[in-house]
Amino acid sequence: MIDETLFQYELLNDTLADKLGVTFMGAYPTANALLLNIPVVDSTRWDQYVMNLTTKAWCDFTGWNGSCMAVHQEALYLGKSNAATRIWSGTSDFGNLITGYCTQAFTSLGTFIGNKYVNLMRPFFTTTGAFYHEIGTNVDYKIDTGFAATLVDASTGGTWDVSAWDLAVFGDTGTTYQPWLTPLGKLGQAVSVKCNLASNKAAVEWIATEIVYETGGVL
């Protein structure tokens, strides 16, 4: 259900369109999102500001370069000068990998006293097929994108480290994948788990993470 936040933004729609050149502002209920299509470079590039209607969190999308958008029969379409394309659908970007980066909220792991060092992490993913992932940590409210290793192929139905990407038979819809991993460890009082994901085969959700860590001194 779309709450009053959407309607508050819709009241501003005409004003935003006049001042910012917004070519689309509306809800996409399938993804529970509010989208604004914003011109970045006049007549040549458009980006999207997107709000999660449940959490009220904002992010921006790039690469969907179209001058207008529309929702039709619960599907989202992007309009260009010579074509209309269905977007936010399927598991690939015209055959290319869809990639994502996420960093979770920082946690003191129960106490602000003393440093912590994460030894192991076990992320819980649900997936409809093969995907690549890498996982790591940020500490003490400093964000970086460094990881321990390259993306790892998580083939849910084949044999780990044996089945060939693009050839293996993968598991059923909603398969849970929960590997124990060694992150690039960092020392700090507050810890945030971060993850890179990439796939052109599957819909992937990161639903939880368990961590094993050591505690140290104050300094």
Protein backbone atom coordinates (compact mmCIF):
# COMPACT_ATOMS: atom_id res chain seq x y z
CA MET A 1 0.00 0.00 0.00
CA ILE A 2 1.35 3.43 -0.97
CA ASP A 3 1.22 5.82 1.98
CA GLU A 4 0.74 9.55 2.23
CA THR A 5 4.39 10.23 1.33
CA LEU A 6 3.64 9.59 -2.34
CA PHE A 7 0.71 11.98 -2.32
CA GLN A 8 2.79 14.68 -0.65
CA TYR A 9 5.30 14.40 -3.48
CA GLU A 10 2.56 14.35 -6.10
CA LEU A 11 1.30 17.69 -4.80
CA LEU A 12 4.72 19.12 -5.67
CA ASN A 13 4.86 17.43 -9.05
CA ASP A 14 3.96 20.44 -11.18
CA THR A 15 6.36 22.72 -9.31
CA LEU A 16 9.23 20.23 -9.57
CA ALA A 17 8.56 19.68 -13.25
CA ASP A 18 8.68 23.42 -13.92
CA LYS A 19 11.83 24.09 -11.88
CA LEU A 20 13.85 20.92 -12.46
CA GLY A 21 12.56 19.69 -15.77
CA VAL A 22 11.26 16.44 -14.25
CA THR A 23 9.77 14.38 -17.08
CA PHE A 24 8.26 11.68 -14.86
CA MET A 25 7.28 11.53 -11.21
CA GLY A 26 5.17 8.68 -9.96
CA ALA A 27 4.92 5.35 -8.23
CA TYR A 28 5.98 1.98 -9.57
CA PRO A 29 3.97 -0.32 -7.26
CA THR A 30 5.63 -3.53 -8.48
CA ALA A 31 8.91 -2.38 -6.91
CA ASN A 32 7.27 -0.30 -4.15
CA ALA A 33 9.15 2.73 -5.42
CA LEU A 34 8.68 6.39 -6.25
CA LEU A 35 10.66 7.54 -9.29
CA LEU A 36 11.70 10.93 -10.63
CA ASN A 37 13.25 11.17 -14.10
CA ILE A 38 15.68 14.12 -13.96
CA PRO A 39 17.60 15.74 -16.83
CA VAL A 40 21.32 15.88 -15.99
CA VAL A 41 22.70 17.05 -19.34
CA ASP A 42 20.14 18.94 -21.40
CA SER A 43 18.46 16.64 -23.94
CA THR A 44 21.26 14.05 -23.80
CA ARG A 45 21.26 12.42 -20.34
CA TRP A 46 18.63 11.65 -17.72
CA ASP A 47 19.11 9.99 -14.30
CA GLN A 48 16.51 8.79 -11.82
CA TYR A 49 16.02 9.58 -8.15
CA VAL A 50 14.25 6.65 -6.50
CA MET A 51 12.64 6.36 -3.06
CA ASN A 52 11.74 3.10 -1.34
CA LEU A 53 8.17 3.70 -0.21
CA THR A 54 8.59 1.38 2.80
CA THR A 55 11.86 2.64 4.27
CA LYS A 56 11.76 6.16 2.75
CA ALA A 57 15.40 5.66 1.70
CA TRP A 58 16.60 7.40 -1.47
CA CYS A 59 19.09 6.32 -4.12
CA ASP A 60 19.90 7.29 -7.69
CA PHE A 61 19.85 5.19 -10.86
CA THR A 62 22.16 5.81 -13.81
CA GLY A 63 22.29 4.24 -17.25
CA TRP A 64 18.53 4.45 -17.90
CA ASN A 65 18.97 7.26 -20.36
CA GLY A 66 15.47 8.15 -21.55
CA SER A 67 13.57 11.39 -21.80
CA CYS A 68 10.33 10.02 -20.32
CA MET A 69 8.88 7.11 -18.34
CA ALA A 70 5.46 5.50 -17.90
CA VAL A 71 3.79 2.68 -15.97
CA HIS A 72 1.46 0.52 -18.07
CA GLN A 73 -0.27 -2.65 -16.87
CA GLU A 74 2.07 -2.85 -13.83
CA ALA A 75 5.20 -2.62 -16.05
CA LEU A 76 7.66 0.30 -16.20
CA TYR A 77 8.73 1.68 -19.58
CA LEU A 78 11.49 4.11 -20.61
CA GLY A 79 10.95 6.32 -23.63
CA LYS A 80 13.61 7.48 -26.06
CA SER A 81 13.33 9.44 -29.30
CA ASN A 82 12.98 6.27 -31.36
CA ALA A 83 11.84 3.51 -28.98
CA ALA A 84 10.13 2.51 -25.74
CA THR A 85 11.82 -0.16 -23.61
CA ARG A 86 10.51 -2.13 -20.65
CA ILE A 87 12.83 -1.69 -17.67
CA TRP A 88 13.22 -2.96 -14.09
CA SER A 89 12.30 -6.42 -15.35
CA GLY A 90 14.19 -9.68 -15.88
CA THR A 91 17.62 -10.74 -14.65
CA SER A 92 20.03 -9.10 -17.12
CA ASP A 93 20.75 -5.74 -18.70
CA PHE A 94 20.28 -6.74 -22.35
CA GLY A 95 22.42 -9.82 -21.62
CA ASN A 96 25.00 -7.95 -19.54
CA LEU A 97 25.56 -8.34 -15.80
CA ILE A 98 23.41 -6.36 -13.42
CA THR A 99 25.67 -5.25 -10.58
CA GLY A 100 24.87 -3.93 -7.13
CA TYR A 101 26.74 -2.60 -4.10
CA CYS A 102 25.30 -2.40 -0.60
CA THR A 103 26.72 -1.40 2.77
CA GLN A 104 24.72 -2.03 5.94
CA ALA A 105 24.28 0.27 8.92
CA PHE A 106 27.21 0.39 11.35
CA THR A 107 26.91 -1.59 14.57
CA SER A 108 29.01 -1.56 17.74
CA LEU A 109 28.24 -5.27 18.24
CA GLY A 110 26.75 -4.67 21.66
CA THR A 111 29.36 -2.34 23.14
CA PHE A 112 31.18 0.83 22.12
CA ILE A 113 34.14 -0.12 24.36
CA GLY A 114 36.99 -1.91 22.62
CA ASN A 115 37.97 -2.71 19.06
CA LYS A 116 36.56 -5.60 17.04
CA TYR A 117 38.09 -7.65 14.26
CA VAL A 118 35.80 -9.70 11.99
CA ASN A 119 37.29 -13.14 11.19
CA LEU A 120 34.42 -14.81 9.36
CA MET A 121 31.09 -13.84 7.85
CA ARG A 122 28.21 -15.93 6.55
CA PRO A 123 25.82 -14.01 4.31
CA PHE A 124 22.43 -15.55 3.57
CA PHE A 125 21.29 -15.12 -0.02
CA THR A 126 18.20 -16.35 -1.82
CA THR A 127 18.70 -16.77 -5.56
CA THR A 128 17.05 -18.17 -8.64
CA GLY A 129 20.37 -19.08 -10.28
CA ALA A 130 24.08 -18.37 -10.51
CA PHE A 131 25.53 -15.08 -9.32
CA TYR A 132 28.85 -13.52 -8.34
CA HIS A 133 29.51 -11.98 -4.94
CA GLU A 134 32.20 -10.53 -2.71
CA ILE A 135 31.86 -9.38 0.87
CA GLY A 136 33.85 -7.22 3.25
CA THR A 137 33.67 -4.74 6.12
CA ASN A 138 33.86 -1.02 6.73
CA VAL A 139 34.80 0.25 10.19
CA ASP A 140 34.29 3.37 12.29
CA TYR A 141 31.90 5.09 9.87
CA LYS A 142 34.41 5.24 7.01
CA ILE A 143 33.10 3.96 3.67
CA ASP A 144 35.37 2.39 1.08
CA THR A 145 34.83 -0.10 -1.74
CA GLY A 146 37.85 -2.36 -1.18
CA PHE A 147 37.27 -6.12 -0.98
CA ALA A 148 39.40 -9.16 -0.24
CA ALA A 149 39.11 -10.87 -3.62
CA THR A 150 37.38 -10.87 -6.98
CA LEU A 151 33.74 -11.83 -7.33
CA VAL A 152 33.04 -15.51 -6.60
CA ASP A 153 30.68 -17.59 -8.74
CA ALA A 154 27.90 -18.97 -6.53
CA SER A 155 26.36 -21.69 -8.69
CA THR A 156 23.49 -22.95 -6.60
CA GLY A 157 22.91 -26.28 -8.29
CA GLY A 158 26.32 -27.30 -9.63
CA THR A 159 29.38 -28.50 -7.77
CA TRP A 160 31.24 -25.69 -6.03
CA ASP A 161 34.45 -24.65 -7.83
CA VAL A 162 33.84 -27.27 -10.53
CA SER A 163 30.67 -26.44 -12.46
CA ALA A 164 31.23 -24.13 -15.41
CA TRP A 165 29.58 -20.72 -15.53
CA ASP A 166 26.95 -20.67 -18.31
CA LEU A 167 26.83 -24.51 -18.38
CA ALA A 168 25.83 -25.81 -14.95
CA VAL A 169 22.24 -26.73 -14.04
CA PHE A 170 21.10 -24.44 -11.27
CA GLY A 171 18.74 -24.90 -8.35
CA ASP A 172 15.04 -24.16 -8.01
CA THR A 173 13.53 -20.74 -7.45
CA GLY A 174 14.33 -19.38 -4.02
CA THR A 175 17.42 -21.52 -3.33
CA THR A 176 19.24 -20.37 -0.17
CA TYR A 177 23.01 -19.92 -0.43
CA GLN A 178 24.93 -19.34 2.84
CA PRO A 179 28.74 -19.66 2.52
CA TRP A 180 31.23 -18.95 5.29
CA LEU A 181 33.67 -16.34 3.95
CA THR A 182 36.85 -14.64 5.17
CA PRO A 183 36.59 -10.88 4.62
CA LEU A 184 39.38 -8.36 4.30
CA GLY A 185 39.59 -7.76 8.05
CA LYS A 186 39.78 -4.29 9.58
CA LEU A 187 40.06 -3.18 13.18
CA GLY A 188 37.49 -0.78 14.58
CA GLN A 189 34.90 -0.08 17.27
CA ALA A 190 31.94 -0.02 14.84
CA VAL A 191 31.51 -2.41 11.92
CA SER A 192 29.46 -2.33 8.72
CA VAL A 193 29.12 -5.32 6.38
CA LYS A 194 29.30 -4.54 2.66
CA CYS A 195 28.60 -6.68 -0.39
CA ASN A 196 29.01 -6.60 -4.16
CA LEU A 197 26.66 -8.69 -6.30
CA ALA A 198 26.53 -9.34 -10.04
CA SER A 199 24.43 -11.61 -12.24
CA ASN A 200 22.78 -11.88 -15.62
CA LYS A 201 21.07 -15.15 -14.69
CA ALA A 202 19.25 -14.68 -11.41
CA ALA A 203 17.19 -12.60 -9.05
CA VAL A 204 19.25 -12.34 -5.82
CA GLU A 205 18.31 -11.14 -2.33
CA TRP A 206 20.74 -10.61 0.55
CA ILE A 207 18.59 -11.31 3.60
CA ALA A 208 20.89 -11.69 6.63
CA THR A 209 24.52 -12.00 7.77
CA GLU A 210 26.21 -13.84 10.65
CA ILE A 211 29.66 -12.70 11.75
CA VAL A 212 32.44 -14.13 13.93
CA TYR A 213 34.74 -11.55 15.50
CA GLU A 214 37.43 -10.99 18.14
CA THR A 215 37.44 -8.19 20.70
CA GLY A 216 40.47 -6.16 21.61
CA GLY A 217 41.60 -3.20 23.65
CA VAL A 218 40.30 0.34 23.62
CA LEU A 219 43.23 1.65 21.54
